[in-house]
Amino acid sequence: MGPTNPALLDAVKARIEALKSVDPGNSLAVPVDLVTASASGLDPHISPAAALYQVTRVARARQMDPAKVRQLVLGAVEPPQRWVFGEARVNVLLLNLALDRAQ
């Protein structure tokens, strides 16, 4: 959907509500990459903000200490390529493997 498609706004609003419903105590702003999708929907990376937004919910689901989950998220942040190009990011697969090992 293009940025002028009204269905995109409706989809984003629905995704925000879904995120808030599964983690109602989370008062952080919902990161944009959690409510939009890449063209393929297969991008293995999310922003550090998106990973940090989910710390409490993931800790609860995995029965882990939120501080430990946060530490693993921060340790999984990859810098921009060559420290210049792009944005910092978190590889979700690698983070999930680290979470599995920590359990």
PDB file of N, CA and C in Angstrom:
ATOM      1  N   MET A   1       0.847  -1.181   0.000  1.00  0.00           N
ATOM      2  CA  MET A   1       0.000   0.000   0.000  1.00  0.00           C
ATOM      3  C   MET A   1       0.887   1.238   0.000  1.00  0.00           C
ATOM      4  N   GLY A   2       0.518   2.189  -0.810  1.00  0.00           N
ATOM      5  CA  GLY A   2       1.259   3.433  -0.871  1.00  0.00           C
ATOM      6  C   GLY A   2       0.902   4.341   0.296  1.00  0.00           C
ATOM      7  N   PRO A   3       1.715   5.368   0.526  1.00  0.00           N
ATOM      8  CA  PRO A   3       1.493   6.248   1.672  1.00  0.00           C
ATOM      9  C   PRO A   3       0.191   7.049   1.606  1.00  0.00           C
ATOM     10  N   THR A   4      -0.397   7.163   0.439  1.00  0.00           N
ATOM     11  CA  THR A   4      -1.658   7.905   0.334  1.00  0.00           C
ATOM     12  C   THR A   4      -2.884   6.992   0.385  1.00  0.00           C
ATOM     13  N   ASN A   5      -2.663   5.694   0.505  1.00  0.00           N
ATOM     14  CA  ASN A   5      -3.768   4.743   0.548  1.00  0.00           C
ATOM     15  C   ASN A   5      -4.410   4.781   1.934  1.00  0.00           C
ATOM     16  N   PRO A   6      -5.695   5.109   2.035  1.00  0.00           N
ATOM     17  CA  PRO A   6      -6.358   5.159   3.339  1.00  0.00           C
ATOM     18  C   PRO A   6      -6.334   3.814   4.074  1.00  0.00           C
ATOM     19  N   ALA A   7      -6.265   2.726   3.336  1.00  0.00           N
ATOM     20  CA  ALA A   7      -6.216   1.408   3.963  1.00  0.00           C
ATOM     21  C   ALA A   7      -4.927   1.235   4.772  1.00  0.00           C
ATOM     22  N   LEU A   8      -3.851   1.910   4.365  1.00  0.00           N
ATOM     23  CA  LEU A   8      -2.594   1.838   5.112  1.00  0.00           C
ATOM     24  C   LEU A   8      -2.776   2.444   6.502  1.00  0.00           C
ATOM     25  N   LEU A   9      -3.409   3.597   6.565  1.00  0.00           N
ATOM     26  CA  LEU A   9      -3.661   4.237   7.862  1.00  0.00           C
ATOM     27  C   LEU A   9      -4.530   3.344   8.745  1.00  0.00           C
ATOM     28  N   ASP A  10      -5.541   2.737   8.154  1.00  0.00           N
ATOM     29  CA  ASP A  10      -6.403   1.830   8.915  1.00  0.00           C
ATOM     30  C   ASP A  10      -5.600   0.634   9.434  1.00  0.00           C
ATOM     31  N   ALA A  11      -4.724   0.083   8.605  1.00  0.00           N
ATOM     32  CA  ALA A  11      -3.911  -1.062   9.007  1.00  0.00           C
ATOM     33  C   ALA A  11      -2.957  -0.681  10.132  1.00  0.00           C
ATOM     34  N   VAL A  12      -2.339   0.493  10.029  1.00  0.00           N
ATOM     35  CA  VAL A  12      -1.419   0.961  11.069  1.00  0.00           C
ATOM     36  C   VAL A  12      -2.169   1.151  12.389  1.00  0.00           C
ATOM     37  N   LYS A  13      -3.329   1.771  12.339  1.00  0.00           N
ATOM     38  CA  LYS A  13      -4.129   1.968  13.556  1.00  0.00           C
ATOM     39  C   LYS A  13      -4.496   0.631  14.195  1.00  0.00           C
ATOM     40  N   ALA A  14      -4.865  -0.343  13.375  1.00  0.00           N
ATOM     41  CA  ALA A  14      -5.230  -1.663  13.891  1.00  0.00           C
ATOM     42  C   ALA A  14      -4.024  -2.345  14.534  1.00  0.00           C
ATOM     43  N   ARG A  15      -2.863  -2.190  13.933  1.00  0.00           N
ATOM     44  CA  ARG A  15      -1.656  -2.801  14.499  1.00  0.00           C
ATOM     45  C   ARG A  15      -1.270  -2.144  15.826  1.00  0.00           C
ATOM     46  N   ILE A  16      -1.431  -0.834  15.917  1.00  0.00           N
ATOM     47  CA  ILE A  16      -1.145  -0.135  17.180  1.00  0.00           C
ATOM     48  C   ILE A  16      -2.075  -0.652  18.274  1.00  0.00           C
ATOM     49  N   GLU A  17      -3.350  -0.763  17.959  1.00  0.00           N
ATOM     50  CA  GLU A  17      -4.314  -1.265  18.945  1.00  0.00           C
ATOM     51  C   GLU A  17      -3.989  -2.700  19.355  1.00  0.00           C
ATOM     52  N   ALA A  18      -3.575  -3.525  18.398  1.00  0.00           N
ATOM     53  CA  ALA A  18      -3.226  -4.914  18.721  1.00  0.00           C
ATOM     54  C   ALA A  18      -2.031  -4.963  19.661  1.00  0.00           C
ATOM     55  N   LEU A  19      -1.009  -4.144  19.403  1.00  0.00           N
ATOM     56  CA  LEU A  19       0.165  -4.108  20.271  1.00  0.00           C
ATOM     57  C   LEU A  19      -0.202  -3.645  21.671  1.00  0.00           C
ATOM     58  N   LYS A  20      -1.032  -2.626  21.743  1.00  0.00           N
ATOM     59  CA  LYS A  20      -1.441  -2.106  23.053  1.00  0.00           C
ATOM     60  C   LYS A  20      -2.310  -3.109  23.808  1.00  0.00           C
ATOM     61  N   SER A  21      -3.091  -3.895  23.096  1.00  0.00           N
ATOM     62  CA  SER A  21      -3.968  -4.857  23.770  1.00  0.00           C
ATOM     63  C   SER A  21      -3.186  -6.019  24.378  1.00  0.00           C
ATOM     64  N   VAL A  22      -2.055  -6.413  23.782  1.00  0.00           N
ATOM     65  CA  VAL A  22      -1.272  -7.517  24.343  1.00  0.00           C
ATOM     66  C   VAL A  22      -0.278  -7.047  25.396  1.00  0.00           C
ATOM     67  N   ASP A  23      -0.088  -5.734  25.502  1.00  0.00           N
ATOM     68  CA  ASP A  23       0.851  -5.188  26.493  1.00  0.00           C
ATOM     69  C   ASP A  23       0.299  -3.861  27.009  1.00  0.00           C
ATOM     70  N   PRO A  24      -0.854  -3.905  27.692  1.00  0.00           N
ATOM     71  CA  PRO A  24      -1.542  -2.667  28.068  1.00  0.00           C
ATOM     72  C   PRO A  24      -0.771  -1.770  29.029  1.00  0.00           C
ATOM     73  N   GLY A  25       0.171  -2.307  29.778  1.00  0.00           N
ATOM     74  CA  GLY A  25       0.945  -1.498  30.711  1.00  0.00           C
ATOM     75  C   GLY A  25       2.101  -0.762  30.070  1.00  0.00           C
ATOM     76  N   ASN A  26       2.345  -1.021  28.795  1.00  0.00           N
ATOM     77  CA  ASN A  26       3.474  -0.390  28.102  1.00  0.00           C
ATOM     78  C   ASN A  26       3.088   1.031  27.693  1.00  0.00           C
ATOM     79  N   SER A  27       3.769   2.013  28.271  1.00  0.00           N
ATOM     80  CA  SER A  27       3.442   3.410  27.972  1.00  0.00           C
ATOM     81  C   SER A  27       4.387   4.030  26.951  1.00  0.00           C
ATOM     82  N   LEU A  28       5.322   3.243  26.415  1.00  0.00           N
ATOM     83  CA  LEU A  28       6.235   3.760  25.401  1.00  0.00           C
ATOM     84  C   LEU A  28       5.487   4.026  24.102  1.00  0.00           C
ATOM     85  N   ALA A  29       6.013   4.956  23.314  1.00  0.00           N
ATOM     86  CA  ALA A  29       5.457   5.187  21.978  1.00  0.00           C
ATOM     87  C   ALA A  29       5.736   3.959  21.118  1.00  0.00           C
ATOM     88  N   VAL A  30       4.776   3.554  20.308  1.00  0.00           N
ATOM     89  CA  VAL A  30       4.946   2.389  19.445  1.00  0.00           C
ATOM     90  C   VAL A  30       5.867   2.769  18.281  1.00  0.00           C
ATOM     91  N   PRO A  31       7.002   2.082  18.140  1.00  0.00           N
ATOM     92  CA  PRO A  31       7.918   2.379  17.032  1.00  0.00           C
ATOM     93  C   PRO A  31       7.259   2.092  15.682  1.00  0.00           C
ATOM     94  N   VAL A  32       7.548   2.931  14.732  1.00  0.00           N
ATOM     95  CA  VAL A  32       6.891   2.847  13.426  1.00  0.00           C
ATOM     96  C   VAL A  32       7.144   1.509  12.742  1.00  0.00           C
ATOM     97  N   ASP A  33       8.316   0.906  12.933  1.00  0.00           N
ATOM     98  CA  ASP A  33       8.572  -0.349  12.227  1.00  0.00           C
ATOM     99  C   ASP A  33       7.786  -1.524  12.792  1.00  0.00           C
ATOM    100  N   LEU A  34       7.138  -1.362  13.930  1.00  0.00           N
ATOM    101  CA  LEU A  34       6.268  -2.415  14.437  1.00  0.00           C
ATOM    102  C   LEU A  34       4.870  -2.347  13.837  1.00  0.00           C
ATOM    103  N   VAL A  35       4.527  -1.263  13.204  1.00  0.00           N
ATOM    104  CA  VAL A  35       3.173  -1.116  12.670  1.00  0.00           C
ATOM    105  C   VAL A  35       3.143  -0.923  11.161  1.00  0.00           C
ATOM    106  N   THR A  36       4.304  -0.969  10.550  1.00  0.00           N
ATOM    107  CA  THR A  36       4.388  -0.938   9.090  1.00  0.00           C
ATOM    108  C   THR A  36       5.101  -2.220   8.665  1.00  0.00           C
ATOM    109  N   ALA A  37       5.164  -2.486   7.389  1.00  0.00           N
ATOM    110  CA  ALA A  37       5.795  -3.718   6.912  1.00  0.00           C
ATOM    111  C   ALA A  37       6.706  -3.389   5.740  1.00  0.00           C
ATOM    112  N   SER A  38       7.779  -4.167   5.622  1.00  0.00           N
ATOM    113  CA  SER A  38       8.627  -4.017   4.444  1.00  0.00           C
ATOM    114  C   SER A  38       7.873  -4.582   3.250  1.00  0.00           C
ATOM    115  N   ALA A  39       8.351  -4.297   2.075  1.00  0.00           N
ATOM    116  CA  ALA A  39       7.667  -4.760   0.867  1.00  0.00           C
ATOM    117  C   ALA A  39       7.530  -6.276   0.854  1.00  0.00           C
ATOM    118  N   SER A  40       8.576  -6.969   1.282  1.00  0.00           N
ATOM    119  CA  SER A  40       8.530  -8.430   1.277  1.00  0.00           C
ATOM    120  C   SER A  40       7.953  -8.989   2.571  1.00  0.00           C
ATOM    121  N   GLY A  41       8.029  -8.202   3.648  1.00  0.00           N
ATOM    122  CA  GLY A  41       7.605  -8.692   4.944  1.00  0.00           C
ATOM    123  C   GLY A  41       8.586  -9.681   5.545  1.00  0.00           C
ATOM    124  N   LEU A  42       9.761  -9.805   4.957  1.00  0.00           N
ATOM    125  CA  LEU A  42      10.728 -10.808   5.393  1.00  0.00           C
ATOM    126  C   LEU A  42      12.003 -10.214   5.984  1.00  0.00           C
ATOM    127  N   ASP A  43      12.035  -8.931   6.214  1.00  0.00           N
ATOM    128  CA  ASP A  43      13.234  -8.298   6.746  1.00  0.00           C
ATOM    129  C   ASP A  43      13.542  -8.870   8.122  1.00  0.00           C
ATOM    130  N   PRO A  44      14.757  -9.401   8.328  1.00  0.00           N
ATOM    131  CA  PRO A  44      15.061 -10.018   9.631  1.00  0.00           C
ATOM    132  C   PRO A  44      15.431  -9.015  10.721  1.00  0.00           C
ATOM    133  N   HIS A  45      15.448  -7.737  10.379  1.00  0.00           N
ATOM    134  CA  HIS A  45      15.882  -6.719  11.334  1.00  0.00           C
ATOM    135  C   HIS A  45      14.725  -5.831  11.775  1.00  0.00           C
ATOM    136  N   ILE A  46      14.833  -5.361  13.028  1.00  0.00           N
ATOM    137  CA  ILE A  46      13.946  -4.318  13.523  1.00  0.00           C
ATOM    138  C   ILE A  46      14.819  -3.255  14.172  1.00  0.00           C
ATOM    139  N   SER A  47      14.240  -2.126  14.444  1.00  0.00           N
ATOM    140  CA  SER A  47      14.999  -1.057  15.088  1.00  0.00           C
ATOM    141  C   SER A  47      15.249  -1.405  16.548  1.00  0.00           C
ATOM    142  N   PRO A  48      16.296  -0.842  17.133  1.00  0.00           N
ATOM    143  CA  PRO A  48      16.489  -1.038  18.574  1.00  0.00           C
ATOM    144  C   PRO A  48      15.267  -0.591  19.375  1.00  0.00           C
ATOM    145  N   ALA A  49      14.623   0.493  18.953  1.00  0.00           N
ATOM    146  CA  ALA A  49      13.420   0.965  19.653  1.00  0.00           C
ATOM    147  C   ALA A  49      12.314  -0.083  19.615  1.00  0.00           C
ATOM    148  N   ALA A  50      12.163  -0.757  18.472  1.00  0.00           N
ATOM    149  CA  ALA A  50      11.132  -1.790  18.355  1.00  0.00           C
ATOM    150  C   ALA A  50      11.448  -2.984  19.250  1.00  0.00           C
ATOM    151  N   ALA A  51      12.709  -3.355  19.329  1.00  0.00           N
ATOM    152  CA  ALA A  51      13.100  -4.466  20.199  1.00  0.00           C
ATOM    153  C   ALA A  51      12.906  -4.091  21.669  1.00  0.00           C
ATOM    154  N   LEU A  52      13.307  -2.884  22.032  1.00  0.00           N
ATOM    155  CA  LEU A  52      13.171  -2.445  23.417  1.00  0.00           C
ATOM    156  C   LEU A  52      11.703  -2.292  23.815  1.00  0.00           C
ATOM    157  N   TYR A  53      10.862  -1.893  22.875  1.00  0.00           N
ATOM    158  CA  TYR A  53       9.429  -1.759  23.147  1.00  0.00           C
ATOM    159  C   TYR A  53       8.841  -3.088  23.615  1.00  0.00           C
ATOM    160  N   GLN A  54       9.379  -4.193  23.122  1.00  0.00           N
ATOM    161  CA  GLN A  54       8.818  -5.512  23.391  1.00  0.00           C
ATOM    162  C   GLN A  54       9.446  -6.238  24.577  1.00  0.00           C
ATOM    163  N   VAL A  55      10.389  -5.611  25.258  1.00  0.00           N
ATOM    164  CA  VAL A  55      11.128  -6.275  26.342  1.00  0.00           C
ATOM    165  C   VAL A  55      10.203  -6.856  27.407  1.00  0.00           C
ATOM    166  N   THR A  56       9.287  -6.080  27.930  1.00  0.00           N
ATOM    167  CA  THR A  56       8.429  -6.549  29.011  1.00  0.00           C
ATOM    168  C   THR A  56       7.562  -7.719  28.573  1.00  0.00           C
ATOM    169  N   ARG A  57       6.974  -7.620  27.401  1.00  0.00           N
ATOM    170  CA  ARG A  57       6.112  -8.685  26.888  1.00  0.00           C
ATOM    171  C   ARG A  57       6.914  -9.960  26.644  1.00  0.00           C
ATOM    172  N   VAL A  58       8.091  -9.830  26.041  1.00  0.00           N
ATOM    173  CA  VAL A  58       8.929 -10.999  25.771  1.00  0.00           C
ATOM    174  C   VAL A  58       9.400 -11.629  27.081  1.00  0.00           C
ATOM    175  N   ALA A  59       9.802 -10.801  28.029  1.00  0.00           N
ATOM    176  CA  ALA A  59      10.244 -11.323  29.329  1.00  0.00           C
ATOM    177  C   ALA A  59       9.120 -12.101  30.004  1.00  0.00           C
ATOM    178  N   ARG A  60       7.915 -11.566  29.946  1.00  0.00           N
ATOM    179  CA  ARG A  60       6.766 -12.244  30.547  1.00  0.00           C
ATOM    180  C   ARG A  60       6.495 -13.572  29.832  1.00  0.00           C
ATOM    181  N   ALA A  61       6.521 -13.569  28.498  1.00  0.00           N
ATOM    182  CA  ALA A  61       6.239 -14.785  27.726  1.00  0.00           C
ATOM    183  C   ALA A  61       7.305 -15.852  27.943  1.00  0.00           C
ATOM    184  N   ARG A  62       8.546 -15.426  28.140  1.00  0.00           N
ATOM    185  CA  ARG A  62       9.650 -16.380  28.328  1.00  0.00           C
ATOM    186  C   ARG A  62       9.958 -16.635  29.802  1.00  0.00           C
ATOM    187  N   GLN A  63       9.212 -15.993  30.667  1.00  0.00           N
ATOM    188  CA  GLN A  63       9.437 -16.109  32.111  1.00  0.00           C
ATOM    189  C   GLN A  63      10.886 -15.789  32.463  1.00  0.00           C
ATOM    190  N   MET A  64      11.326 -14.627  31.960  1.00  0.00           N
ATOM    191  CA  MET A  64      12.687 -14.151  32.202  1.00  0.00           C
ATOM    192  C   MET A  64      12.637 -12.794  32.889  1.00  0.00           C
ATOM    193  N   ASP A  65      13.729 -12.423  33.495  1.00  0.00           N
ATOM    194  CA  ASP A  65      13.866 -11.107  34.110  1.00  0.00           C
ATOM    195  C   ASP A  65      13.916 -10.051  33.001  1.00  0.00           C
ATOM    196  N   PRO A  66      13.048  -9.036  33.049  1.00  0.00           N
ATOM    197  CA  PRO A  66      13.072  -7.994  32.020  1.00  0.00           C
ATOM    198  C   PRO A  66      14.440  -7.327  31.878  1.00  0.00           C
ATOM    199  N   ALA A  67      15.172  -7.178  32.967  1.00  0.00           N
ATOM    200  CA  ALA A  67      16.505  -6.564  32.887  1.00  0.00           C
ATOM    201  C   ALA A  67      17.443  -7.422  32.053  1.00  0.00           C
ATOM    202  N   LYS A  68      17.330  -8.743  32.166  1.00  0.00           N
ATOM    203  CA  LYS A  68      18.164  -9.653  31.370  1.00  0.00           C
ATOM    204  C   LYS A  68      17.785  -9.570  29.899  1.00  0.00           C
ATOM    205  N   VAL A  69      16.490  -9.526  29.610  1.00  0.00           N
ATOM    206  CA  VAL A  69      16.035  -9.408  28.220  1.00  0.00           C
ATOM    207  C   VAL A  69      16.524  -8.091  27.631  1.00  0.00           C
ATOM    208  N   ARG A  70      16.398  -7.013  28.394  1.00  0.00           N
ATOM    209  CA  ARG A  70      16.873  -5.700  27.928  1.00  0.00           C
ATOM    210  C   ARG A  70      18.371  -5.742  27.641  1.00  0.00           C
ATOM    211  N   GLN A  71      19.120  -6.383  28.511  1.00  0.00           N
ATOM    212  CA  GLN A  71      20.565  -6.505  28.320  1.00  0.00           C
ATOM    213  C   GLN A  71      20.873  -7.264  27.022  1.00  0.00           C
ATOM    214  N   LEU A  72      20.141  -8.335  26.771  1.00  0.00           N
ATOM    215  CA  LEU A  72      20.349  -9.098  25.538  1.00  0.00           C
ATOM    216  C   LEU A  72      19.983  -8.279  24.305  1.00  0.00           C
ATOM    217  N   VAL A  73      18.898  -7.516  24.403  1.00  0.00           N
ATOM    218  CA  VAL A  73      18.508  -6.646  23.278  1.00  0.00           C
ATOM    219  C   VAL A  73      19.624  -5.639  22.998  1.00  0.00           C
ATOM    220  N   LEU A  74      20.083  -4.973  24.037  1.00  0.00           N
ATOM    221  CA  LEU A  74      21.130  -3.963  23.834  1.00  0.00           C
ATOM    222  C   LEU A  74      22.411  -4.591  23.289  1.00  0.00           C
ATOM    223  N   GLY A  75      22.695  -5.824  23.694  1.00  0.00           N
ATOM    224  CA  GLY A  75      23.872  -6.518  23.180  1.00  0.00           C
ATOM    225  C   GLY A  75      23.716  -6.969  21.742  1.00  0.00           C
ATOM    226  N   ALA A  76      22.479  -7.036  21.261  1.00  0.00           N
ATOM    227  CA  ALA A  76      22.211  -7.484  19.893  1.00  0.00           C
ATOM    228  C   ALA A  76      22.134  -6.340  18.889  1.00  0.00           C
ATOM    229  N   VAL A  77      22.260  -5.110  19.364  1.00  0.00           N
ATOM    230  CA  VAL A  77      22.171  -3.968  18.448  1.00  0.00           C
ATOM    231  C   VAL A  77      23.396  -3.954  17.534  1.00  0.00           C
ATOM    232  N   GLU A  78      23.134  -3.964  16.245  1.00  0.00           N
ATOM    233  CA  GLU A  78      24.190  -3.883  15.242  1.00  0.00           C
ATOM    234  C   GLU A  78      24.303  -2.431  14.786  1.00  0.00           C
ATOM    235  N   PRO A  79      25.515  -1.899  14.665  1.00  0.00           N
ATOM    236  CA  PRO A  79      25.677  -0.505  14.229  1.00  0.00           C
ATOM    237  C   PRO A  79      25.362  -0.362  12.746  1.00  0.00           C
ATOM    238  N   PRO A  80      25.218   0.868  12.277  1.00  0.00           N
ATOM    239  CA  PRO A  80      25.070   1.064  10.832  1.00  0.00           C
ATOM    240  C   PRO A  80      26.251   0.415  10.102  1.00  0.00           C
ATOM    241  N   GLN A  81      26.025   0.016   8.862  1.00  0.00           N
ATOM    242  CA  GLN A  81      27.092  -0.607   8.089  1.00  0.00           C
ATOM    243  C   GLN A  81      28.280   0.331   7.994  1.00  0.00           C
ATOM    244  N   ARG A  82      29.439  -0.191   8.289  1.00  0.00           N
ATOM    245  CA  ARG A  82      30.685   0.580   8.275  1.00  0.00           C
ATOM    246  C   ARG A  82      30.581   1.832   9.142  1.00  0.00           C
ATOM    247  N   TRP A  83      29.698   1.734  10.146  1.00  0.00           N
ATOM    248  CA  TRP A  83      29.472   2.815  11.117  1.00  0.00           C
ATOM    249  C   TRP A  83      28.931   4.090  10.474  1.00  0.00           C
ATOM    250  N   VAL A  84      28.518   4.026   9.190  1.00  0.00           N
ATOM    251  CA  VAL A  84      28.062   5.225   8.498  1.00  0.00           C
ATOM    252  C   VAL A  84      26.723   5.025   7.806  1.00  0.00           C
ATOM    253  N   PHE A  85      26.546   3.918   7.105  1.00  0.00           N
ATOM    254  CA  PHE A  85      25.401   3.724   6.223  1.00  0.00           C
ATOM    255  C   PHE A  85      24.237   3.044   6.947  1.00  0.00           C
ATOM    256  N   GLY A  86      23.060   3.607   6.795  1.00  0.00           N
ATOM    257  CA  GLY A  86      21.867   3.008   7.367  1.00  0.00           C
ATOM    258  C   GLY A  86      21.675   3.372   8.824  1.00  0.00           C
ATOM    259  N   GLU A  87      20.910   2.556   9.491  1.00  0.00           N
ATOM    260  CA  GLU A  87      20.550   2.782  10.886  1.00  0.00           C
ATOM    261  C   GLU A  87      21.009   1.595  11.733  1.00  0.00           C
ATOM    262  N   ALA A  88      21.124   1.827  13.013  1.00  0.00           N
ATOM    263  CA  ALA A  88      21.363   0.715  13.924  1.00  0.00           C
ATOM    264  C   ALA A  88      20.163  -0.221  13.828  1.00  0.00           C
ATOM    265  N   ARG A  89      20.405  -1.527  14.056  1.00  0.00           N
ATOM    266  CA  ARG A  89      19.323  -2.493  13.888  1.00  0.00           C
ATOM    267  C   ARG A  89      19.568  -3.706  14.772  1.00  0.00           C
ATOM    268  N   VAL A  90      18.522  -4.509  14.931  1.00  0.00           N
ATOM    269  CA  VAL A  90      18.605  -5.744  15.705  1.00  0.00           C
ATOM    270  C   VAL A  90      18.142  -6.882  14.804  1.00  0.00           C
ATOM    271  N   ASN A  91      18.982  -7.896  14.660  1.00  0.00           N
ATOM    272  CA  ASN A  91      18.610  -9.078  13.904  1.00  0.00           C
ATOM    273  C   ASN A  91      17.742  -9.936  14.822  1.00  0.00           C
ATOM    274  N   VAL A  92      16.471 -10.092  14.482  1.00  0.00           N
ATOM    275  CA  VAL A  92      15.508 -10.774  15.339  1.00  0.00           C
ATOM    276  C   VAL A  92      15.874 -12.245  15.528  1.00  0.00           C
ATOM    277  N   LEU A  93      16.320 -12.911  14.488  1.00  0.00           N
ATOM    278  CA  LEU A  93      16.688 -14.317  14.616  1.00  0.00           C
ATOM    279  C   LEU A  93      17.842 -14.482  15.611  1.00  0.00           C
ATOM    280  N   LEU A  94      18.886 -13.672  15.460  1.00  0.00           N
ATOM    281  CA  LEU A  94      20.023 -13.783  16.371  1.00  0.00           C
ATOM    282  C   LEU A  94      19.634 -13.438  17.808  1.00  0.00           C
ATOM    283  N   LEU A  95      18.770 -12.451  17.969  1.00  0.00           N
ATOM    284  CA  LEU A  95      18.305 -12.107  19.310  1.00  0.00           C
ATOM    285  C   LEU A  95      17.503 -13.262  19.912  1.00  0.00           C
ATOM    286  N   ASN A  96      16.627 -13.868  19.132  1.00  0.00           N
ATOM    287  CA  ASN A  96      15.848 -14.996  19.638  1.00  0.00           C
ATOM    288  C   ASN A  96      16.747 -16.165  20.024  1.00  0.00           C
ATOM    289  N   LEU A  97      17.793 -16.410  19.257  1.00  0.00           N
ATOM    290  CA  LEU A  97      18.735 -17.467  19.615  1.00  0.00           C
ATOM    291  C   LEU A  97      19.448 -17.137  20.920  1.00  0.00           C
ATOM    292  N   ALA A  98      19.819 -15.875  21.102  1.00  0.00           N
ATOM    293  CA  ALA A  98      20.461 -15.455  22.356  1.00  0.00           C
ATOM    294  C   ALA A  98      19.496 -15.606  23.533  1.00  0.00           C
ATOM    295  N   LEU A  99      18.235 -15.279  23.320  1.00  0.00           N
ATOM    296  CA  LEU A  99      17.231 -15.457  24.360  1.00  0.00           C
ATOM    297  C   LEU A  99      17.058 -16.942  24.705  1.00  0.00           C
ATOM    298  N   ASP A 100      17.053 -17.789  23.684  1.00  0.00           N
ATOM    299  CA  ASP A 100      16.956 -19.235  23.914  1.00  0.00           C
ATOM    300  C   ASP A 100      18.142 -19.728  24.760  1.00  0.00           C
ATOM    301  N   ARG A 101      19.343 -19.290  24.422  1.00  0.00           N
ATOM    302  CA  ARG A 101      20.533 -19.708  25.158  1.00  0.00           C
ATOM    303  C   ARG A 101      20.478 -19.215  26.618  1.00  0.00           C
ATOM    304  N   ALA A 102      19.937 -18.029  26.822  1.00  0.00           N
ATOM    305  CA  ALA A 102      19.875 -17.448  28.165  1.00  0.00           C
ATOM    306  C   ALA A 102      18.860 -18.167  29.044  1.00  0.00           C
ATOM    307  N   GLN A 103      17.887 -18.809  28.446  1.00  0.00           N
ATOM    308  CA  GLN A 103      16.894 -19.547  29.227  1.00  0.00           C
ATOM    309  C   GLN A 103      17.517 -20.828  29.679  1.00  0.00           C
TER     310      GLN A 103
END
